């Protein structure tokens, strides 16, 4: 197995983050279990999995949006095409907004936030459901 183009996770498919800020990368779950057994439990902050490279792409579920981190790692021409042939100014505006959102999310995670929300960019001309406006059953 190899990493997909645009992957920003790191050299392994699993990342063990220590309280000290140090990171250890592993290729398999078996390696994670082995390293986990060797480290003191109070030194481990979290274990992260590279879902971008390990999971199958969900093209059907995400036709109207583009993954934010993938977008940031794309060459400008490719990113502009992926967003629906946007202009240079629209690309710059989207890039800055996504970059700010990713940085804010990463800072929150580093400060101890429990969730790591996905960040997506809406493609030009596509309709995306407004989740906040959806009615929830009682």
N, C-alpha and C. Protein backbone atom coordinates (compact mmCIF):
# COMPACT_ATOMS: atom_id res chain seq x y z
N UNK A 1 0.85 -1.18 0.00
CA UNK A 1 0.00 0.00 0.00
C UNK A 1 0.89 1.24 0.00
N UNK A 2 0.45 2.27 -0.72
CA UNK A 2 1.23 3.51 -0.75
C UNK A 2 0.30 4.70 -0.48
N UNK A 3 0.91 5.82 -0.18
CA UNK A 3 0.15 7.03 0.11
C UNK A 3 -0.39 7.62 -1.19
N UNK A 4 -1.56 8.23 -1.10
CA UNK A 4 -2.16 8.90 -2.25
C UNK A 4 -1.48 10.23 -2.49
N UNK A 5 -1.58 10.70 -3.69
CA UNK A 5 -1.06 12.02 -4.03
C UNK A 5 -1.76 13.07 -3.16
N UNK A 6 -1.00 13.99 -2.61
CA UNK A 6 -1.57 15.04 -1.78
C UNK A 6 -1.70 14.68 -0.32
N UNK A 7 -1.26 13.51 0.09
CA UNK A 7 -1.36 13.10 1.49
C UNK A 7 -0.46 13.98 2.35
N UNK A 8 -1.00 14.47 3.45
CA UNK A 8 -0.22 15.32 4.35
C UNK A 8 -0.13 14.72 5.75
N UNK A 9 -0.46 13.45 5.88
CA UNK A 9 -0.50 12.79 7.19
C UNK A 9 0.90 12.57 7.77
N UNK A 10 1.82 12.11 6.95
CA UNK A 10 3.17 11.78 7.41
C UNK A 10 3.64 10.50 6.76
N UNK A 11 4.80 9.99 7.16
CA UNK A 11 5.39 8.83 6.48
C UNK A 11 4.71 7.49 6.75
N UNK A 12 3.91 7.39 7.77
CA UNK A 12 3.25 6.12 8.09
C UNK A 12 1.76 6.23 7.88
N UNK A 13 1.05 5.12 8.11
CA UNK A 13 -0.40 5.12 8.01
C UNK A 13 -1.05 5.31 9.38
N UNK A 14 -0.25 5.20 10.43
CA UNK A 14 -0.71 5.40 11.80
C UNK A 14 0.29 6.32 12.49
N UNK A 15 -0.22 7.24 13.33
CA UNK A 15 0.65 8.18 14.02
C UNK A 15 0.33 8.13 15.51
N UNK A 16 1.36 7.89 16.31
CA UNK A 16 1.21 7.91 17.76
C UNK A 16 1.76 9.25 18.23
N UNK A 17 0.89 10.07 18.82
CA UNK A 17 1.29 11.38 19.29
C UNK A 17 1.49 11.30 20.80
N UNK A 18 2.66 11.73 21.24
CA UNK A 18 2.99 11.69 22.66
C UNK A 18 2.71 13.04 23.31
N UNK A 19 2.54 13.03 24.62
CA UNK A 19 2.29 14.25 25.38
C UNK A 19 3.40 15.28 25.13
N UNK A 20 4.62 14.82 24.97
CA UNK A 20 5.77 15.70 24.77
C UNK A 20 5.75 16.40 23.41
N UNK A 21 4.85 15.97 22.50
CA UNK A 21 4.80 16.54 21.15
C UNK A 21 5.50 15.68 20.12
N UNK A 22 6.22 14.68 20.58
CA UNK A 22 6.91 13.77 19.68
C UNK A 22 5.89 12.89 18.96
N UNK A 23 6.20 12.52 17.74
CA UNK A 23 5.32 11.65 16.97
C UNK A 23 6.09 10.42 16.53
N UNK A 24 5.42 9.27 16.56
CA UNK A 24 5.98 8.02 16.06
C UNK A 24 5.04 7.51 14.99
N UNK A 25 5.59 7.11 13.87
CA UNK A 25 4.77 6.63 12.75
C UNK A 25 4.91 5.12 12.60
N UNK A 26 3.79 4.47 12.28
CA UNK A 26 3.75 3.02 12.07
C UNK A 26 3.05 2.74 10.75
N UNK A 27 3.34 1.58 10.17
CA UNK A 27 2.73 1.20 8.90
C UNK A 27 1.49 0.33 9.06
N UNK A 28 1.42 -0.43 10.16
CA UNK A 28 0.30 -1.36 10.35
C UNK A 28 -0.24 -1.24 11.77
N UNK A 29 -1.44 -1.80 11.97
CA UNK A 29 -2.02 -1.82 13.30
C UNK A 29 -1.18 -2.68 14.25
N UNK A 30 -0.57 -3.74 13.72
CA UNK A 30 0.28 -4.60 14.55
C UNK A 30 1.47 -3.80 15.10
N UNK A 31 2.06 -2.96 14.27
CA UNK A 31 3.17 -2.10 14.73
C UNK A 31 2.69 -1.13 15.80
N UNK A 32 1.49 -0.59 15.63
CA UNK A 32 0.93 0.34 16.62
C UNK A 32 0.80 -0.36 17.96
N UNK A 33 0.26 -1.57 17.95
CA UNK A 33 0.08 -2.33 19.19
C UNK A 33 1.42 -2.62 19.86
N UNK A 34 2.43 -2.91 19.04
CA UNK A 34 3.76 -3.21 19.59
C UNK A 34 4.37 -1.95 20.23
N UNK A 35 4.31 -0.83 19.53
CA UNK A 35 4.86 0.42 20.07
C UNK A 35 4.05 0.85 21.29
N UNK A 36 2.74 0.71 21.22
CA UNK A 36 1.86 1.08 22.33
C UNK A 36 2.23 0.30 23.59
N UNK A 37 2.55 -0.98 23.42
CA UNK A 37 2.91 -1.83 24.56
C UNK A 37 4.26 -1.42 25.16
N UNK A 38 5.14 -0.84 24.34
CA UNK A 38 6.47 -0.45 24.83
C UNK A 38 6.47 0.90 25.54
N UNK A 39 5.48 1.76 25.24
CA UNK A 39 5.44 3.09 25.83
C UNK A 39 4.61 3.10 27.11
N UNK A 40 4.90 4.05 27.97
CA UNK A 40 4.09 4.24 29.17
C UNK A 40 2.76 4.88 28.78
N UNK A 41 1.67 4.38 29.31
CA UNK A 41 0.34 4.85 28.91
C UNK A 41 0.15 6.34 29.14
N UNK A 42 0.73 6.88 30.22
CA UNK A 42 0.53 8.31 30.49
C UNK A 42 1.37 9.21 29.59
N UNK A 43 2.17 8.65 28.70
CA UNK A 43 2.95 9.46 27.75
C UNK A 43 2.26 9.58 26.39
N UNK A 44 1.20 8.79 26.16
CA UNK A 44 0.52 8.78 24.86
C UNK A 44 -0.66 9.74 24.89
N UNK A 45 -0.66 10.68 23.94
CA UNK A 45 -1.77 11.63 23.83
C UNK A 45 -2.90 11.03 22.99
N UNK A 46 -2.56 10.52 21.81
CA UNK A 46 -3.57 9.91 20.93
C UNK A 46 -2.89 9.08 19.86
N UNK A 47 -3.67 8.20 19.26
CA UNK A 47 -3.23 7.42 18.10
C UNK A 47 -4.14 7.83 16.95
N UNK A 48 -3.54 8.27 15.85
CA UNK A 48 -4.30 8.73 14.68
C UNK A 48 -4.09 7.78 13.52
N UNK A 49 -5.12 7.66 12.68
CA UNK A 49 -5.11 6.77 11.53
C UNK A 49 -5.23 7.62 10.27
N UNK A 50 -4.48 7.30 9.23
CA UNK A 50 -4.51 8.03 7.96
C UNK A 50 -5.69 7.54 7.12
N UNK A 51 -6.86 8.05 7.42
CA UNK A 51 -8.06 7.63 6.70
C UNK A 51 -8.05 8.04 5.25
N UNK A 52 -7.36 9.13 4.93
CA UNK A 52 -7.31 9.59 3.54
C UNK A 52 -6.68 8.54 2.62
N UNK A 53 -5.63 7.89 3.09
CA UNK A 53 -4.94 6.89 2.27
C UNK A 53 -5.46 5.47 2.49
N UNK A 54 -5.96 5.17 3.69
CA UNK A 54 -6.41 3.81 3.99
C UNK A 54 -7.84 3.53 3.55
N UNK A 55 -8.70 4.54 3.55
CA UNK A 55 -10.10 4.34 3.19
C UNK A 55 -10.31 4.54 1.69
N UNK A 56 -11.31 3.87 1.18
CA UNK A 56 -11.66 4.04 -0.23
C UNK A 56 -12.27 5.43 -0.42
N UNK A 57 -11.97 6.09 -1.52
CA UNK A 57 -12.57 7.41 -1.77
C UNK A 57 -14.09 7.28 -1.92
N UNK A 58 -14.81 8.25 -1.42
CA UNK A 58 -16.26 8.24 -1.50
C UNK A 58 -16.71 9.26 -2.52
N UNK A 59 -16.45 8.99 -3.77
CA UNK A 59 -16.74 9.94 -4.85
C UNK A 59 -18.22 10.29 -4.92
N UNK A 60 -19.09 9.31 -4.78
CA UNK A 60 -20.53 9.55 -4.90
C UNK A 60 -21.03 10.45 -3.77
N UNK A 61 -20.51 10.26 -2.57
CA UNK A 61 -20.97 11.03 -1.42
C UNK A 61 -20.44 12.45 -1.43
N UNK A 62 -19.41 12.72 -2.20
CA UNK A 62 -18.79 14.04 -2.13
C UNK A 62 -18.69 14.71 -3.49
N UNK A 63 -19.66 14.49 -4.34
CA UNK A 63 -19.59 15.10 -5.67
C UNK A 63 -19.60 16.62 -5.63
N UNK A 64 -20.29 17.20 -4.68
CA UNK A 64 -20.42 18.66 -4.62
C UNK A 64 -19.35 19.36 -3.83
N UNK A 65 -18.46 18.60 -3.18
CA UNK A 65 -17.43 19.21 -2.35
C UNK A 65 -16.07 18.56 -2.61
N UNK A 66 -15.03 19.24 -2.15
CA UNK A 66 -13.66 18.77 -2.28
C UNK A 66 -13.02 18.83 -0.90
N UNK A 67 -12.28 17.80 -0.52
CA UNK A 67 -11.61 17.78 0.78
C UNK A 67 -10.67 18.98 0.89
N UNK A 68 -10.73 19.69 2.02
CA UNK A 68 -9.94 20.90 2.21
C UNK A 68 -8.44 20.67 2.18
N UNK A 69 -7.96 19.65 2.89
CA UNK A 69 -6.52 19.40 2.92
C UNK A 69 -6.01 18.94 1.56
N UNK A 70 -6.80 18.16 0.85
CA UNK A 70 -6.43 17.75 -0.50
C UNK A 70 -6.34 18.99 -1.40
N UNK A 71 -7.30 19.88 -1.28
CA UNK A 71 -7.32 21.12 -2.05
C UNK A 71 -6.05 21.94 -1.81
N UNK A 72 -5.64 22.07 -0.55
CA UNK A 72 -4.45 22.86 -0.23
C UNK A 72 -3.18 22.27 -0.82
N UNK A 73 -3.15 20.95 -1.03
CA UNK A 73 -1.96 20.28 -1.55
C UNK A 73 -1.94 20.15 -3.07
N UNK A 74 -3.00 20.61 -3.73
CA UNK A 74 -3.07 20.50 -5.19
C UNK A 74 -2.35 21.67 -5.86
N UNK A 75 -1.77 21.45 -7.04
CA UNK A 75 -1.26 22.58 -7.82
C UNK A 75 -2.44 23.50 -8.18
N UNK A 76 -2.17 24.79 -8.35
CA UNK A 76 -3.25 25.76 -8.56
C UNK A 76 -4.15 25.38 -9.75
N UNK A 77 -3.58 25.05 -10.89
CA UNK A 77 -4.41 24.74 -12.07
C UNK A 77 -5.33 23.55 -11.82
N UNK A 78 -4.80 22.52 -11.17
CA UNK A 78 -5.61 21.33 -10.86
C UNK A 78 -6.72 21.68 -9.87
N UNK A 79 -6.40 22.48 -8.87
CA UNK A 79 -7.39 22.88 -7.86
C UNK A 79 -8.49 23.74 -8.48
N UNK A 80 -8.12 24.62 -9.38
CA UNK A 80 -9.12 25.47 -10.04
C UNK A 80 -10.07 24.63 -10.87
N UNK A 81 -9.55 23.63 -11.56
CA UNK A 81 -10.40 22.72 -12.35
C UNK A 81 -11.30 21.90 -11.42
N UNK A 82 -10.74 21.40 -10.32
CA UNK A 82 -11.50 20.57 -9.39
C UNK A 82 -12.66 21.34 -8.75
N UNK A 83 -12.49 22.64 -8.58
CA UNK A 83 -13.55 23.47 -7.99
C UNK A 83 -14.59 23.91 -9.02
N UNK A 84 -14.39 23.56 -10.27
CA UNK A 84 -15.36 23.93 -11.30
C UNK A 84 -14.88 25.08 -12.17
N UNK A 85 -13.62 25.05 -12.54
CA UNK A 85 -13.02 26.08 -13.41
C UNK A 85 -13.23 27.48 -12.87
N UNK A 86 -12.80 27.68 -11.63
CA UNK A 86 -12.92 28.99 -10.99
C UNK A 86 -11.82 29.92 -11.48
N UNK A 87 -12.02 31.22 -11.29
CA UNK A 87 -11.01 32.21 -11.67
C UNK A 87 -9.87 32.20 -10.66
N UNK A 88 -8.78 32.88 -11.01
CA UNK A 88 -7.64 32.97 -10.09
C UNK A 88 -8.06 33.63 -8.78
N UNK A 89 -8.86 34.71 -8.86
CA UNK A 89 -9.29 35.41 -7.65
C UNK A 89 -10.18 34.53 -6.77
N UNK A 90 -11.07 33.76 -7.39
CA UNK A 90 -11.91 32.83 -6.62
C UNK A 90 -11.05 31.75 -5.96
N UNK A 91 -10.03 31.27 -6.68
CA UNK A 91 -9.12 30.27 -6.13
C UNK A 91 -8.39 30.83 -4.91
N UNK A 92 -7.85 32.03 -5.03
CA UNK A 92 -7.10 32.65 -3.92
C UNK A 92 -8.01 32.83 -2.71
N UNK A 93 -9.24 33.29 -2.93
CA UNK A 93 -10.19 33.48 -1.84
C UNK A 93 -10.50 32.14 -1.16
N UNK A 94 -10.74 31.11 -1.95
CA UNK A 94 -11.03 29.79 -1.39
C UNK A 94 -9.82 29.24 -0.65
N UNK A 95 -8.63 29.39 -1.23
CA UNK A 95 -7.40 28.86 -0.61
C UNK A 95 -7.20 29.48 0.76
N UNK A 96 -7.33 30.81 0.84
CA UNK A 96 -7.12 31.49 2.12
C UNK A 96 -8.15 31.06 3.16
N UNK A 97 -9.40 30.91 2.75
CA UNK A 97 -10.45 30.51 3.68
C UNK A 97 -10.21 29.09 4.20
N UNK A 98 -9.86 28.18 3.30
CA UNK A 98 -9.61 26.79 3.70
C UNK A 98 -8.37 26.71 4.58
N UNK A 99 -7.32 27.44 4.21
CA UNK A 99 -6.08 27.44 5.00
C UNK A 99 -6.36 27.93 6.42
N UNK A 100 -7.14 29.01 6.55
CA UNK A 100 -7.49 29.54 7.87
C UNK A 100 -8.29 28.52 8.68
N UNK A 101 -9.24 27.84 8.02
CA UNK A 101 -10.07 26.84 8.71
C UNK A 101 -9.23 25.65 9.18
N UNK A 102 -8.32 25.19 8.33
CA UNK A 102 -7.46 24.05 8.69
C UNK A 102 -6.55 24.43 9.85
N UNK A 103 -5.97 25.62 9.80
CA UNK A 103 -5.09 26.07 10.90
C UNK A 103 -5.86 26.19 12.21
N UNK A 104 -7.07 26.76 12.14
CA UNK A 104 -7.89 26.90 13.36
C UNK A 104 -8.25 25.53 13.93
N UNK A 105 -8.61 24.60 13.05
CA UNK A 105 -8.95 23.26 13.50
C UNK A 105 -7.75 22.58 14.14
N UNK A 106 -6.58 22.69 13.49
CA UNK A 106 -5.38 22.05 14.02
C UNK A 106 -4.95 22.66 15.35
N UNK A 107 -5.13 23.97 15.51
CA UNK A 107 -4.82 24.60 16.80
C UNK A 107 -5.76 24.09 17.89
N UNK A 108 -7.03 23.94 17.55
CA UNK A 108 -8.00 23.44 18.54
C UNK A 108 -7.67 22.01 18.94
N UNK A 109 -7.28 21.19 17.98
CA UNK A 109 -6.91 19.80 18.28
C UNK A 109 -5.66 19.79 19.16
N UNK A 110 -4.68 20.62 18.84
CA UNK A 110 -3.45 20.68 19.63
C UNK A 110 -3.73 21.15 21.05
N UNK A 111 -4.78 21.98 21.21
CA UNK A 111 -5.14 22.47 22.55
C UNK A 111 -6.00 21.48 23.32
N UNK A 112 -6.30 20.33 22.69
CA UNK A 112 -7.02 19.29 23.41
C UNK A 112 -8.45 19.05 22.97
N UNK A 113 -8.88 19.63 21.86
CA UNK A 113 -10.24 19.40 21.38
C UNK A 113 -10.44 17.91 21.09
N UNK A 114 -11.59 17.41 21.41
CA UNK A 114 -11.87 15.98 21.25
C UNK A 114 -12.14 15.61 19.79
N UNK A 115 -12.71 16.52 19.02
CA UNK A 115 -13.06 16.23 17.64
C UNK A 115 -12.06 16.85 16.67
N UNK A 116 -11.96 16.25 15.49
CA UNK A 116 -11.15 16.78 14.40
C UNK A 116 -12.04 16.83 13.17
N UNK A 117 -12.85 17.90 13.04
CA UNK A 117 -13.83 17.95 11.96
C UNK A 117 -13.17 18.00 10.58
N UNK A 118 -13.88 17.46 9.60
CA UNK A 118 -13.43 17.53 8.22
C UNK A 118 -13.71 18.92 7.69
N UNK A 119 -12.87 19.38 6.79
CA UNK A 119 -13.06 20.68 6.16
C UNK A 119 -13.18 20.43 4.66
N UNK A 120 -14.25 20.95 4.07
CA UNK A 120 -14.49 20.74 2.65
C UNK A 120 -14.73 22.08 1.97
N UNK A 121 -14.54 22.10 0.64
CA UNK A 121 -14.78 23.27 -0.18
C UNK A 121 -15.91 22.93 -1.13
N UNK A 122 -16.92 23.77 -1.20
CA UNK A 122 -18.03 23.55 -2.13
C UNK A 122 -17.55 23.86 -3.55
N UNK A 123 -17.87 22.98 -4.47
CA UNK A 123 -17.52 23.20 -5.87
C UNK A 123 -18.47 24.22 -6.48
N UNK A 124 -17.94 25.04 -7.38
CA UNK A 124 -18.72 26.10 -8.02
C UNK A 124 -19.90 25.49 -8.79
N UNK A 125 -21.08 26.07 -8.56
CA UNK A 125 -22.27 25.64 -9.28
C UNK A 125 -22.96 24.42 -8.70
N UNK A 126 -22.42 23.84 -7.66
CA UNK A 126 -23.02 22.65 -7.04
C UNK A 126 -23.87 23.06 -5.86
N UNK A 127 -24.95 22.32 -5.64
CA UNK A 127 -25.78 22.54 -4.46
C UNK A 127 -25.38 21.53 -3.40
N UNK A 128 -25.22 22.02 -2.20
CA UNK A 128 -24.87 21.18 -1.06
C UNK A 128 -25.92 21.42 0.00
N UNK A 129 -26.41 20.35 0.61
CA UNK A 129 -27.45 20.48 1.62
C UNK A 129 -26.98 21.32 2.79
N UNK A 130 -27.84 22.21 3.25
CA UNK A 130 -27.56 23.02 4.43
C UNK A 130 -27.96 22.19 5.64
N UNK A 131 -26.99 21.53 6.24
CA UNK A 131 -27.26 20.59 7.33
C UNK A 131 -27.93 21.29 8.51
N UNK A 132 -27.55 22.53 8.78
CA UNK A 132 -28.13 23.25 9.92
C UNK A 132 -29.62 23.51 9.70
N UNK A 133 -30.06 23.60 8.44
CA UNK A 133 -31.47 23.90 8.16
C UNK A 133 -32.34 22.62 8.12
N UNK A 134 -31.72 21.46 8.14
CA UNK A 134 -32.48 20.22 8.10
C UNK A 134 -33.24 20.00 9.40
N UNK A 135 -34.46 19.52 9.28
CA UNK A 135 -35.27 19.24 10.48
C UNK A 135 -34.89 17.87 11.03
N UNK A 136 -34.68 17.80 12.30
CA UNK A 136 -34.39 16.54 12.95
C UNK A 136 -35.67 15.95 13.49
N UNK A 137 -35.83 14.64 13.40
CA UNK A 137 -37.04 14.02 13.96
C UNK A 137 -37.07 14.18 15.47
N UNK A 138 -38.28 14.31 16.05
CA UNK A 138 -38.38 14.51 17.52
C UNK A 138 -37.96 13.28 18.29
